[in-house]
PDB file of N, CA and C in Angstrom:
ATOM      1  N   MET A   1     -13.163 -24.629   8.069  1.00  0.00           N
ATOM      2  CA  MET A   1     -11.802 -24.004   7.693  1.00  0.00           C
ATOM      3  C   MET A   1     -11.718 -22.583   7.988  1.00  0.00           C
ATOM      4  N   ILE A   2     -10.738 -22.110   8.710  1.00  0.00           N
ATOM      5  CA  ILE A   2     -10.674 -20.680   8.973  1.00  0.00           C
ATOM      6  C   ILE A   2      -9.680 -20.210   7.727  1.00  0.00           C
ATOM      7  N   PHE A   3     -10.139 -19.076   7.318  1.00  0.00           N
ATOM      8  CA  PHE A   3      -9.403 -18.381   6.174  1.00  0.00           C
ATOM      9  C   PHE A   3      -8.974 -17.136   6.717  1.00  0.00           C
ATOM     10  N   GLU A   4      -7.710 -16.780   6.312  1.00  0.00           N
ATOM     11  CA  GLU A   4      -7.222 -15.374   6.856  1.00  0.00           C
ATOM     12  C   GLU A   4      -6.345 -14.980   5.532  1.00  0.00           C
ATOM     13  N   GLU A   5      -6.295 -13.667   5.514  1.00  0.00           N
ATOM     14  CA  GLU A   5      -5.478 -13.076   4.129  1.00  0.00           C
ATOM     15  C   GLU A   5      -4.461 -12.085   4.601  1.00  0.00           C
ATOM     16  N   LEU A   6      -3.236 -12.303   4.123  1.00  0.00           N
ATOM     17  CA  LEU A   6      -2.261 -11.282   4.246  1.00  0.00           C
ATOM     18  C   LEU A   6      -2.742  -9.828   3.801  1.00  0.00           C
ATOM     19  N   ASP A   7      -2.239  -8.850   4.328  1.00  0.00           N
ATOM     20  CA  ASP A   7      -2.564  -7.618   3.697  1.00  0.00           C
ATOM     21  C   ASP A   7      -2.192  -7.473   2.320  1.00  0.00           C
ATOM     22  N   GLU A   8      -1.028  -8.025   1.953  1.00  0.00           N
ATOM     23  CA  GLU A   8      -0.446  -8.069   0.551  1.00  0.00           C
ATOM     24  C   GLU A   8      -1.532  -8.849  -0.388  1.00  0.00           C
ATOM     25  N   PHE A   9      -1.997  -9.895   0.090  1.00  0.00           N
ATOM     26  CA  PHE A   9      -3.003 -10.749  -0.662  1.00  0.00           C
ATOM     27  C   PHE A   9      -4.219  -9.766  -0.981  1.00  0.00           C
ATOM     28  N   LYS A  10      -4.730  -9.026   0.071  1.00  0.00           N
ATOM     29  CA  LYS A  10      -5.836  -8.031   0.092  1.00  0.00           C
ATOM     30  C   LYS A  10      -5.631  -7.157  -1.146  1.00  0.00           C
ATOM     31  N   LYS A  11      -4.274  -6.500  -1.270  1.00  0.00           N
ATOM     32  CA  LYS A  11      -3.996  -5.484  -2.227  1.00  0.00           C
ATOM     33  C   LYS A  11      -3.920  -6.052  -3.560  1.00  0.00           C
ATOM     34  N   ASP A  12      -3.441  -7.462  -3.546  1.00  0.00           N
ATOM     35  CA  ASP A  12      -3.298  -8.027  -4.893  1.00  0.00           C
ATOM     36  C   ASP A  12      -4.748  -8.365  -5.502  1.00  0.00           C
ATOM     37  N   LEU A  13      -5.651  -8.707  -4.627  1.00  0.00           N
ATOM     38  CA  LEU A  13      -7.028  -8.993  -4.981  1.00  0.00           C
ATOM     39  C   LEU A  13      -7.789  -7.677  -5.404  1.00  0.00           C
ATOM     40  N   LYS A  14      -7.486  -6.606  -4.545  1.00  0.00           N
ATOM     41  CA  LYS A  14      -8.137  -5.424  -5.091  1.00  0.00           C
ATOM     42  C   LYS A  14      -7.802  -4.847  -6.445  1.00  0.00           C
ATOM     43  N   LYS A  15      -6.397  -4.897  -6.653  1.00  0.00           N
ATOM     44  CA  LYS A  15      -5.683  -4.499  -7.900  1.00  0.00           C
ATOM     45  C   LYS A  15      -6.401  -5.432  -9.011  1.00  0.00           C
ATOM     46  N   LEU A  16      -6.273  -6.615  -9.008  1.00  0.00           N
ATOM     47  CA  LEU A  16      -6.623  -7.533 -10.035  1.00  0.00           C
ATOM     48  C   LEU A  16      -8.184  -7.539 -10.341  1.00  0.00           C
ATOM     49  N   SER A  17      -8.898  -7.152  -9.297  1.00  0.00           N
ATOM     50  CA  SER A  17     -10.491  -7.072  -9.270  1.00  0.00           C
ATOM     51  C   SER A  17     -10.954  -5.902 -10.135  1.00  0.00           C
ATOM     52  N   LYS A  18     -10.058  -4.865 -10.248  1.00  0.00           N
ATOM     53  CA  LYS A  18     -10.407  -3.839 -10.968  1.00  0.00           C
ATOM     54  C   LYS A  18     -10.606  -4.052 -12.432  1.00  0.00           C
ATOM     55  N   LYS A  19      -9.928  -4.964 -12.987  1.00  0.00           N
ATOM     56  CA  LYS A  19      -9.759  -5.578 -14.364  1.00  0.00           C
ATOM     57  C   LYS A  19     -10.617  -6.767 -14.553  1.00  0.00           C
ATOM     58  N   HIS A  20     -10.675  -7.585 -13.525  1.00  0.00           N
ATOM     59  CA  HIS A  20     -11.457  -8.800 -13.525  1.00  0.00           C
ATOM     60  C   HIS A  20     -12.481  -8.786 -12.416  1.00  0.00           C
ATOM     61  N   ARG A  21     -13.791  -8.289 -12.801  1.00  0.00           N
ATOM     62  CA  ARG A  21     -14.669  -8.041 -11.860  1.00  0.00           C
ATOM     63  C   ARG A  21     -15.326  -9.293 -11.219  1.00  0.00           C
ATOM     64  N   THR A  22     -15.093 -10.450 -11.666  1.00  0.00           N
ATOM     65  CA  THR A  22     -15.722 -11.554 -10.877  1.00  0.00           C
ATOM     66  C   THR A  22     -14.595 -12.218  -9.957  1.00  0.00           C
ATOM     67  N   LEU A  23     -13.683 -11.580  -9.841  1.00  0.00           N
ATOM     68  CA  LEU A  23     -12.543 -12.167  -8.893  1.00  0.00           C
ATOM     69  C   LEU A  23     -12.854 -12.587  -7.499  1.00  0.00           C
ATOM     70  N   TYR A  24     -13.627 -11.628  -6.843  1.00  0.00           N
ATOM     71  CA  TYR A  24     -14.073 -11.899  -5.546  1.00  0.00           C
ATOM     72  C   TYR A  24     -14.902 -13.226  -5.540  1.00  0.00           C
ATOM     73  N   ASP A  25     -15.811 -13.314  -6.595  1.00  0.00           N
ATOM     74  CA  ASP A  25     -16.647 -14.462  -6.559  1.00  0.00           C
ATOM     75  C   ASP A  25     -15.781 -15.740  -6.748  1.00  0.00           C
ATOM     76  N   ASP A  26     -14.843 -15.613  -7.635  1.00  0.00           N
ATOM     77  CA  ASP A  26     -13.982 -16.650  -8.048  1.00  0.00           C
ATOM     78  C   ASP A  26     -13.068 -17.181  -6.764  1.00  0.00           C
ATOM     79  N   ILE A  27     -12.709 -16.117  -5.855  1.00  0.00           N
ATOM     80  CA  ILE A  27     -12.068 -16.667  -4.580  1.00  0.00           C
ATOM     81  C   ILE A  27     -12.827 -17.431  -3.760  1.00  0.00           C
ATOM     82  N   GLU A  28     -14.081 -16.761  -3.735  1.00  0.00           N
ATOM     83  CA  GLU A  28     -15.051 -17.587  -2.663  1.00  0.00           C
ATOM     84  C   GLU A  28     -15.304 -19.050  -3.179  1.00  0.00           C
ATOM     85  N   ILE A  29     -15.334 -19.246  -4.494  1.00  0.00           N
ATOM     86  CA  ILE A  29     -15.421 -20.624  -5.062  1.00  0.00           C
ATOM     87  C   ILE A  29     -14.219 -21.434  -4.635  1.00  0.00           C
ATOM     88  N   VAL A  30     -13.151 -20.838  -4.897  1.00  0.00           N
ATOM     89  CA  VAL A  30     -11.691 -21.527  -4.473  1.00  0.00           C
ATOM     90  C   VAL A  30     -11.890 -21.823  -2.954  1.00  0.00           C
ATOM     91  N   LYS A  31     -12.207 -20.958  -2.141  1.00  0.00           N
ATOM     92  CA  LYS A  31     -12.300 -21.284  -0.624  1.00  0.00           C
ATOM     93  C   LYS A  31     -13.343 -22.518  -0.377  1.00  0.00           C
ATOM     94  N   LYS A  32     -14.473 -22.593  -1.093  1.00  0.00           N
ATOM     95  CA  LYS A  32     -15.182 -23.754  -0.908  1.00  0.00           C
ATOM     96  C   LYS A  32     -14.654 -24.997  -1.312  1.00  0.00           C
ATOM     97  N   VAL A  33     -13.755 -24.862  -2.280  1.00  0.00           N
ATOM     98  CA  VAL A  33     -13.084 -26.054  -2.777  1.00  0.00           C
ATOM     99  C   VAL A  33     -12.007 -26.342  -1.666  1.00  0.00           C
ATOM    100  N   LEU A  34     -11.455 -25.430  -1.200  1.00  0.00           N
ATOM    101  CA  LEU A  34     -10.314 -25.730  -0.238  1.00  0.00           C
ATOM    102  C   LEU A  34     -11.007 -26.200   1.042  1.00  0.00           C
ATOM    103  N   ASN A  35     -12.108 -25.959   1.346  1.00  0.00           N
ATOM    104  CA  ASN A  35     -12.888 -26.504   2.552  1.00  0.00           C
ATOM    105  C   ASN A  35     -13.150 -27.936   2.375  1.00  0.00           C
ATOM    106  N   VAL A  36     -13.228 -28.316   1.200  1.00  0.00           N
ATOM    107  CA  VAL A  36     -13.350 -29.801   0.978  1.00  0.00           C
ATOM    108  C   VAL A  36     -12.008 -30.592   0.972  1.00  0.00           C
ATOM    109  N   ASN A  37     -11.125 -29.970   0.238  1.00  0.00           N
ATOM    110  CA  ASN A  37      -9.739 -30.562   0.069  1.00  0.00           C
ATOM    111  C   ASN A  37      -8.583 -29.256   0.009  1.00  0.00           C
ATOM    112  N   SER A  38      -7.923 -29.185   1.074  1.00  0.00           N
ATOM    113  CA  SER A  38      -7.047 -28.285   1.152  1.00  0.00           C
ATOM    114  C   SER A  38      -5.622 -28.542   0.849  1.00  0.00           C
ATOM    115  N   ASN A  39      -5.335 -29.868   0.582  1.00  0.00           N
ATOM    116  CA  ASN A  39      -4.198 -30.311   0.422  1.00  0.00           C
ATOM    117  C   ASN A  39      -3.776 -30.267  -1.137  1.00  0.00           C
ATOM    118  N   GLU A  40      -2.460 -30.390  -1.485  1.00  0.00           N
ATOM    119  CA  GLU A  40      -2.014 -30.303  -2.872  1.00  0.00           C
ATOM    120  C   GLU A  40      -2.656 -31.331  -3.685  1.00  0.00           C
ATOM    121  N   ARG A  41      -3.103 -31.063  -4.898  1.00  0.00           N
ATOM    122  CA  ARG A  41      -3.751 -31.998  -5.847  1.00  0.00           C
ATOM    123  C   ARG A  41      -3.081 -31.676  -7.378  1.00  0.00           C
ATOM    124  N   PRO A  42      -1.776 -32.203  -7.366  1.00  0.00           N
ATOM    125  CA  PRO A  42      -1.376 -32.023  -8.997  1.00  0.00           C
ATOM    126  C   PRO A  42      -2.325 -32.569  -9.775  1.00  0.00           C
ATOM    127  N   PRO A  43      -2.436 -32.032 -10.976  1.00  0.00           N
ATOM    128  CA  PRO A  43      -1.663 -30.942 -11.587  1.00  0.00           C
ATOM    129  C   PRO A  43      -2.270 -29.523 -11.200  1.00  0.00           C
ATOM    130  N   PHE A  44      -3.586 -29.544 -10.440  1.00  0.00           N
ATOM    131  CA  PHE A  44      -4.061 -28.203 -10.151  1.00  0.00           C
ATOM    132  C   PHE A  44      -3.393 -27.444  -9.105  1.00  0.00           C
ATOM    133  N   SER A  45      -2.850 -28.119  -8.081  1.00  0.00           N
ATOM    134  CA  SER A  45      -2.070 -27.387  -7.052  1.00  0.00           C
ATOM    135  C   SER A  45      -0.918 -28.136  -6.697  1.00  0.00           C
ATOM    136  N   TYR A  46       0.044 -27.682  -6.043  1.00  0.00           N
ATOM    137  CA  TYR A  46       1.204 -28.410  -5.542  1.00  0.00           C
ATOM    138  C   TYR A  46       2.016 -27.558  -4.423  1.00  0.00           C
ATOM    139  N   ARG A  47       2.697 -28.331  -3.672  1.00  0.00           N
ATOM    140  CA  ARG A  47       3.398 -27.659  -2.415  1.00  0.00           C
ATOM    141  C   ARG A  47       4.786 -27.043  -3.206  1.00  0.00           C
ATOM    142  N   ILE A  48       5.019 -25.805  -2.733  1.00  0.00           N
ATOM    143  CA  ILE A  48       6.167 -25.070  -3.206  1.00  0.00           C
ATOM    144  C   ILE A  48       7.482 -25.829  -2.697  1.00  0.00           C
ATOM    145  N   ALA A  49       8.307 -26.184  -3.309  1.00  0.00           N
ATOM    146  CA  ALA A  49       9.576 -26.815  -2.799  1.00  0.00           C
ATOM    147  C   ALA A  49      10.705 -25.948  -2.542  1.00  0.00           C
ATOM    148  N   GLY A  50      11.653 -26.166  -1.758  1.00  0.00           N
ATOM    149  CA  GLY A  50      12.909 -25.273  -1.707  1.00  0.00           C
ATOM    150  C   GLY A  50      12.791 -23.975  -0.811  1.00  0.00           C
ATOM    151  N   LEU A  51      11.747 -24.146  -0.043  1.00  0.00           N
ATOM    152  CA  LEU A  51      11.409 -22.853   0.887  1.00  0.00           C
ATOM    153  C   LEU A  51      12.283 -22.893   2.290  1.00  0.00           C
ATOM    154  N   GLU A  52      12.570 -24.252   2.583  1.00  0.00           N
ATOM    155  CA  GLU A  52      13.252 -24.660   3.773  1.00  0.00           C
ATOM    156  C   GLU A  52      12.595 -23.836   5.182  1.00  0.00           C
ATOM    157  N   ILE A  53      11.134 -24.057   5.051  1.00  0.00           N
ATOM    158  CA  ILE A  53      10.393 -23.636   6.266  1.00  0.00           C
ATOM    159  C   ILE A  53       9.512 -24.801   6.572  1.00  0.00           C
ATOM    160  N   GLU A  54       8.752 -24.842   7.643  1.00  0.00           N
ATOM    161  CA  GLU A  54       7.984 -25.998   8.181  1.00  0.00           C
ATOM    162  C   GLU A  54       6.526 -25.878   7.591  1.00  0.00           C
ATOM    163  N   THR A  55       6.234 -24.521   7.356  1.00  0.00           N
ATOM    164  CA  THR A  55       4.830 -24.260   6.974  1.00  0.00           C
ATOM    165  C   THR A  55       4.647 -24.866   5.566  1.00  0.00           C
ATOM    166  N   CYS A  56       3.514 -25.526   5.272  1.00  0.00           N
ATOM    167  CA  CYS A  56       3.186 -26.096   4.142  1.00  0.00           C
ATOM    168  C   CYS A  56       2.562 -24.838   3.204  1.00  0.00           C
ATOM    169  N   VAL A  57       3.244 -24.574   2.177  1.00  0.00           N
ATOM    170  CA  VAL A  57       2.852 -23.471   1.317  1.00  0.00           C
ATOM    171  C   VAL A  57       2.448 -24.129  -0.067  1.00  0.00           C
ATOM    172  N   ILE A  58       1.251 -23.944  -0.559  1.00  0.00           N
ATOM    173  CA  ILE A  58       0.785 -24.418  -1.690  1.00  0.00           C
ATOM    174  C   ILE A  58       0.342 -23.385  -2.707  1.00  0.00           C
ATOM    175  N   LYS A  59       0.674 -23.862  -3.821  1.00  0.00           N
ATOM    176  CA  LYS A  59       0.404 -22.990  -5.299  1.00  0.00           C
ATOM    177  C   LYS A  59      -0.755 -23.504  -5.916  1.00  0.00           C
ATOM    178  N   ILE A  60      -1.740 -22.780  -6.059  1.00  0.00           N
ATOM    179  CA  ILE A  60      -2.954 -23.225  -7.039  1.00  0.00           C
ATOM    180  C   ILE A  60      -2.741 -22.580  -8.506  1.00  0.00           C
ATOM    181  N   LYS A  61      -2.646 -23.712  -9.541  1.00  0.00           N
ATOM    182  CA  LYS A  61      -2.389 -23.180 -10.804  1.00  0.00           C
ATOM    183  C   LYS A  61      -3.504 -23.264 -11.703  1.00  0.00           C
ATOM    184  N   LYS A  62      -4.553 -23.878 -11.320  1.00  0.00           N
ATOM    185  CA  LYS A  62      -5.693 -23.961 -12.197  1.00  0.00           C
ATOM    186  C   LYS A  62      -6.961 -23.333 -11.500  1.00  0.00           C
ATOM    187  N   ILE A  63      -7.245 -22.220 -11.679  1.00  0.00           N
ATOM    188  CA  ILE A  63      -8.475 -21.379 -11.232  1.00  0.00           C
ATOM    189  C   ILE A  63      -9.476 -21.167 -12.318  1.00  0.00           C
ATOM    190  N   ALA A  64     -10.596 -21.700 -12.213  1.00  0.00           N
ATOM    191  CA  ALA A  64     -11.631 -21.120 -13.162  1.00  0.00           C
ATOM    192  C   ALA A  64     -12.148 -19.953 -12.771  1.00  0.00           C
ATOM    193  N   SER A  65     -12.183 -18.860 -13.676  1.00  0.00           N
ATOM    194  CA  SER A  65     -12.567 -17.551 -13.443  1.00  0.00           C
ATOM    195  C   SER A  65     -13.767 -17.197 -14.574  1.00  0.00           C
ATOM    196  N   LYS A  66     -14.800 -16.684 -13.881  1.00  0.00           N
ATOM    197  CA  LYS A  66     -15.832 -16.167 -14.886  1.00  0.00           C
ATOM    198  C   LYS A  66     -15.459 -14.971 -15.747  1.00  0.00           C
ATOM    199  N   SER A  67     -14.307 -14.255 -15.364  1.00  0.00           N
ATOM    200  CA  SER A  67     -13.849 -13.355 -16.073  1.00  0.00           C
ATOM    201  C   SER A  67     -13.371 -13.798 -17.382  1.00  0.00           C
ATOM    202  N   PHE A  68     -12.810 -14.892 -17.466  1.00  0.00           N
ATOM    203  CA  PHE A  68     -12.317 -15.683 -18.667  1.00  0.00           C
ATOM    204  C   PHE A  68     -13.303 -16.654 -19.241  1.00  0.00           C
ATOM    205  N   LYS A  69     -14.323 -16.073 -19.552  1.00  0.00           N
ATOM    206  CA  LYS A  69     -15.519 -17.175 -20.024  1.00  0.00           C
ATOM    207  C   LYS A  69     -14.947 -17.858 -21.213  1.00  0.00           C
ATOM    208  N   GLY A  70     -15.162 -19.169 -21.129  1.00  0.00           N
ATOM    209  CA  GLY A  70     -14.735 -20.040 -22.100  1.00  0.00           C
ATOM    210  C   GLY A  70     -13.407 -20.648 -22.077  1.00  0.00           C
ATOM    211  N   LYS A  71     -12.661 -20.151 -21.032  1.00  0.00           N
ATOM    212  CA  LYS A  71     -11.283 -20.686 -20.870  1.00  0.00           C
ATOM    213  C   LYS A  71     -11.227 -21.648 -19.686  1.00  0.00           C
ATOM    214  N   GLY A  72     -12.266 -21.892 -19.111  1.00  0.00           N
ATOM    215  CA  GLY A  72     -12.260 -22.968 -17.978  1.00  0.00           C
ATOM    216  C   GLY A  72     -11.141 -22.697 -16.837  1.00  0.00           C
ATOM    217  N   VAL A  73     -10.288 -23.584 -16.576  1.00  0.00           N
ATOM    218  CA  VAL A  73      -9.455 -23.511 -15.371  1.00  0.00           C
ATOM    219  C   VAL A  73      -8.127 -22.882 -15.836  1.00  0.00           C
ATOM    220  N   ASN A  74      -7.988 -22.662 -17.120  1.00  0.00           N
ATOM    221  CA  ASN A  74      -6.727 -22.108 -17.706  1.00  0.00           C
ATOM    222  C   ASN A  74      -6.668 -20.557 -17.779  1.00  0.00           C
ATOM    223  N   SER A  75      -7.431 -19.961 -16.711  1.00  0.00           N
ATOM    224  CA  SER A  75      -7.525 -18.407 -16.638  1.00  0.00           C
ATOM    225  C   SER A  75      -6.234 -17.786 -16.531  1.00  0.00           C
ATOM    226  N   GLY A  76      -5.117 -18.480 -15.888  1.00  0.00           N
ATOM    227  CA  GLY A  76      -4.027 -17.760 -15.607  1.00  0.00           C
ATOM    228  C   GLY A  76      -3.656 -17.205 -14.244  1.00  0.00           C
ATOM    229  N   PHE A  77      -4.694 -17.279 -13.436  1.00  0.00           N
ATOM    230  CA  PHE A  77      -4.520 -16.685 -12.019  1.00  0.00           C
ATOM    231  C   PHE A  77      -3.941 -17.893 -11.229  1.00  0.00           C
ATOM    232  N   ARG A  78      -2.986 -17.411 -10.165  1.00  0.00           N
ATOM    233  CA  ARG A  78      -2.283 -18.169  -9.497  1.00  0.00           C
ATOM    234  C   ARG A  78      -2.674 -17.836  -7.936  1.00  0.00           C
ATOM    235  N   ILE A  79      -2.813 -18.645  -7.055  1.00  0.00           N
ATOM    236  CA  ILE A  79      -3.037 -18.256  -5.524  1.00  0.00           C
ATOM    237  C   ILE A  79      -1.997 -19.076  -4.786  1.00  0.00           C
ATOM    238  N   ILE A  80      -1.208 -18.432  -3.945  1.00  0.00           N
ATOM    239  CA  ILE A  80      -0.387 -19.117  -2.929  1.00  0.00           C
ATOM    240  C   ILE A  80      -0.910 -18.966  -1.576  1.00  0.00           C
ATOM    241  N   TYR A  81      -0.917 -20.015  -0.885  1.00  0.00           N
ATOM    242  CA  TYR A  81      -1.415 -20.105   0.418  1.00  0.00           C
ATOM    243  C   TYR A  81      -0.787 -20.997   1.447  1.00  0.00           C
ATOM    244  N   ALA A  82      -0.886 -20.710   2.567  1.00  0.00           N
ATOM    245  CA  ALA A  82      -0.205 -21.619   3.637  1.00  0.00           C
ATOM    246  C   ALA A  82      -1.346 -22.205   4.208  1.00  0.00           C
ATOM    247  N   HIS A  83      -0.877 -23.715   4.471  1.00  0.00           N
ATOM    248  CA  HIS A  83      -1.934 -24.602   5.097  1.00  0.00           C
ATOM    249  C   HIS A  83      -1.422 -25.104   6.395  1.00  0.00           C
ATOM    250  N   TYR A  84      -2.274 -24.840   7.338  1.00  0.00           N
ATOM    251  CA  TYR A  84      -2.065 -25.310   8.743  1.00  0.00           C
ATOM    252  C   TYR A  84      -3.021 -26.312   8.972  1.00  0.00           C
ATOM    253  N   GLU A  85      -2.772 -27.613   8.666  1.00  0.00           N
ATOM    254  CA  GLU A  85      -3.768 -28.718   8.906  1.00  0.00           C
ATOM    255  C   GLU A  85      -4.361 -28.957  10.239  1.00  0.00           C
ATOM    256  N   LYS A  86      -3.516 -28.930  11.089  1.00  0.00           N
ATOM    257  CA  LYS A  86      -3.736 -29.128  12.651  1.00  0.00           C
ATOM    258  C   LYS A  86      -4.706 -28.068  13.139  1.00  0.00           C
ATOM    259  N   GLU A  87      -4.486 -26.837  12.777  1.00  0.00           N
ATOM    260  CA  GLU A  87      -5.356 -25.596  13.120  1.00  0.00           C
ATOM    261  C   GLU A  87      -6.580 -25.559  12.258  1.00  0.00           C
ATOM    262  N   ASN A  88      -6.524 -26.279  11.191  1.00  0.00           N
ATOM    263  CA  ASN A  88      -7.722 -26.180  10.253  1.00  0.00           C
ATOM    264  C   ASN A  88      -7.759 -24.752   9.770  1.00  0.00           C
ATOM    265  N   LYS A  89      -6.526 -24.370   9.234  1.00  0.00           N
ATOM    266  CA  LYS A  89      -6.484 -22.890   8.930  1.00  0.00           C
ATOM    267  C   LYS A  89      -5.798 -22.587   7.561  1.00  0.00           C
ATOM    268  N   ILE A  90      -6.147 -21.793   6.831  1.00  0.00           N
ATOM    269  CA  ILE A  90      -5.439 -21.389   5.495  1.00  0.00           C
ATOM    270  C   ILE A  90      -5.211 -19.943   5.410  1.00  0.00           C
ATOM    271  N   ILE A  91      -3.964 -19.452   5.199  1.00  0.00           N
ATOM    272  CA  ILE A  91      -3.568 -18.206   5.073  1.00  0.00           C
ATOM    273  C   ILE A  91      -3.349 -17.818   3.594  1.00  0.00           C
ATOM    274  N   MET A  92      -4.181 -16.809   3.001  1.00  0.00           N
ATOM    275  CA  MET A  92      -3.912 -16.534   1.582  1.00  0.00           C
ATOM    276  C   MET A  92      -2.667 -15.422   1.503  1.00  0.00           C
ATOM    277  N   ILE A  93      -1.659 -15.943   0.774  1.00  0.00           N
ATOM    278  CA  ILE A  93      -0.486 -15.080   0.690  1.00  0.00           C
ATOM    279  C   ILE A  93      -0.408 -14.231  -0.529  1.00  0.00           C
ATOM    280  N   GLU A  94      -0.620 -14.857  -1.571  1.00  0.00           N
ATOM    281  CA  GLU A  94      -0.425 -14.004  -2.950  1.00  0.00           C
ATOM    282  C   GLU A  94      -1.337 -14.458  -4.034  1.00  0.00           C
ATOM    283  N   LEU A  95      -1.860 -13.644  -4.769  1.00  0.00           N
ATOM    284  CA  LEU A  95      -2.831 -13.787  -5.988  1.00  0.00           C
ATOM    285  C   LEU A  95      -2.153 -12.812  -7.178  1.00  0.00           C
ATOM    286  N   TYR A  96      -1.918 -13.598  -8.091  1.00  0.00           N
ATOM    287  CA  TYR A  96      -1.254 -12.953  -9.442  1.00  0.00           C
ATOM    288  C   TYR A  96      -1.789 -13.631 -10.651  1.00  0.00           C
ATOM    289  N   HIS A  97      -1.695 -12.951 -11.762  1.00  0.00           N
ATOM    290  CA  HIS A  97      -1.852 -13.322 -12.947  1.00  0.00           C
ATOM    291  C   HIS A  97      -0.540 -13.919 -13.710  1.00  0.00           C
ATOM    292  N   LYS A  98      -0.554 -15.032 -14.405  1.00  0.00           N
ATOM    293  CA  LYS A  98       0.571 -15.482 -14.943  1.00  0.00           C
ATOM    294  C   LYS A  98       1.187 -14.667 -16.019  1.00  0.00           C
ATOM    295  N   SER A  99       0.267 -13.818 -16.676  1.00  0.00           N
ATOM    296  CA  SER A  99       0.988 -12.830 -17.701  1.00  0.00           C
ATOM    297  C   SER A  99       1.795 -11.785 -17.101  1.00  0.00           C
ATOM    298  N   ASN A 100       1.355 -11.350 -15.869  1.00  0.00           N
ATOM    299  CA  ASN A 100       2.013 -10.264 -15.210  1.00  0.00           C
ATOM    300  C   ASN A 100       3.259 -10.641 -14.274  1.00  0.00           C
ATOM    301  N   LYS A 101       3.204 -11.960 -14.028  1.00  0.00           N
ATOM    302  CA  LYS A 101       4.392 -12.363 -13.104  1.00  0.00           C
ATOM    303  C   LYS A 101       4.571 -14.030 -13.433  1.00  0.00           C
ATOM    304  N   GLU A 102       5.840 -14.353 -13.468  1.00  0.00           N
ATOM    305  CA  GLU A 102       6.211 -15.705 -13.745  1.00  0.00           C
ATOM    306  C   GLU A 102       6.032 -16.642 -12.624  1.00  0.00           C
ATOM    307  N   ASN A 103       6.392 -16.178 -11.405  1.00  0.00           N
ATOM    308  CA  ASN A 103       6.445 -17.134 -10.195  1.00  0.00           C
ATOM    309  C   ASN A 103       6.082 -16.310  -8.899  1.00  0.00           C
ATOM    310  N   GLU A 104       5.940 -17.143  -7.976  1.00  0.00           N
ATOM    311  CA  GLU A 104       5.467 -16.592  -6.680  1.00  0.00           C
ATOM    312  C   GLU A 104       6.549 -15.868  -5.944  1.00  0.00           C
ATOM    313  N   ASP A 105       6.204 -14.977  -5.121  1.00  0.00           N
ATOM    314  CA  ASP A 105       7.158 -13.872  -4.400  1.00  0.00           C
ATOM    315  C   ASP A 105       7.689 -14.819  -3.123  1.00  0.00           C
ATOM    316  N   LYS A 106       8.669 -15.425  -3.431  1.00  0.00           N
ATOM    317  CA  LYS A 106       9.396 -16.263  -2.296  1.00  0.00           C
ATOM    318  C   LYS A 106       9.776 -15.360  -1.138  1.00  0.00           C
ATOM    319  N   GLU A 107      10.147 -14.161  -1.218  1.00  0.00           N
ATOM    320  CA  GLU A 107      10.555 -13.247  -0.345  1.00  0.00           C
ATOM    321  C   GLU A 107       9.257 -12.995   0.524  1.00  0.00           C
ATOM    322  N   ARG A 108       8.322 -12.721   0.143  1.00  0.00           N
ATOM    323  CA  ARG A 108       6.869 -12.436   0.842  1.00  0.00           C
ATOM    324  C   ARG A 108       6.693 -13.569   1.683  1.00  0.00           C
ATOM    325  N   ILE A 109       6.884 -14.836   1.033  1.00  0.00           N
ATOM    326  CA  ILE A 109       6.518 -16.081   1.964  1.00  0.00           C
ATOM    327  C   ILE A 109       7.400 -16.276   2.972  1.00  0.00           C
ATOM    328  N   LEU A 110       8.773 -15.977   2.781  1.00  0.00           N
ATOM    329  CA  LEU A 110       9.700 -16.284   3.943  1.00  0.00           C
ATOM    330  C   LEU A 110       9.634 -15.090   5.011  1.00  0.00           C
ATOM    331  N   ASN A 111       9.454 -13.886   4.385  1.00  0.00           N
ATOM    332  CA  ASN A 111       9.097 -12.696   5.316  1.00  0.00           C
ATOM    333  C   ASN A 111       8.013 -12.950   6.226  1.00  0.00           C
ATOM    334  N   ASN A 112       6.909 -13.788   5.854  1.00  0.00           N
ATOM    335  CA  ASN A 112       5.807 -13.984   6.536  1.00  0.00           C
ATOM    336  C   ASN A 112       5.606 -15.246   7.461  1.00  0.00           C
ATOM    337  N   PHE A 113       6.542 -16.349   7.007  1.00  0.00           N
ATOM    338  CA  PHE A 113       6.392 -17.623   7.512  1.00  0.00           C
ATOM    339  C   PHE A 113       7.681 -18.234   7.931  1.00  0.00           C
ATOM    340  N   LYS A 114       8.668 -17.542   8.289  1.00  0.00           N
ATOM    341  CA  LYS A 114       9.890 -18.046   8.818  1.00  0.00           C
ATOM    342  C   LYS A 114       9.679 -18.800   9.959  1.00  0.00           C
TER     343      LYS A 114
END
């Protein structure tokens, strides 16, 4: 699997990693899981509906983070990524914590994947 990251995702990761020191390691674990199965897997991840684009954009809701010891997959981090099955490629779009933001940035998705 080929992984790419939007510049905005890199900024999200850098900002959040200042408070959550294990986040880079947590993202690497997520990538390993996506290498095995990158499709949606409710209730952990699901395709974002209503975007009216061909690109398959998936939101991961359950991410185990070492920063939240004892909370398991209910850490509150969310990852949005575009999945290109034929190209065997994933583009990381957005990373946020649910306490800071309620939903994904649909404008960011549409600006990059129309």
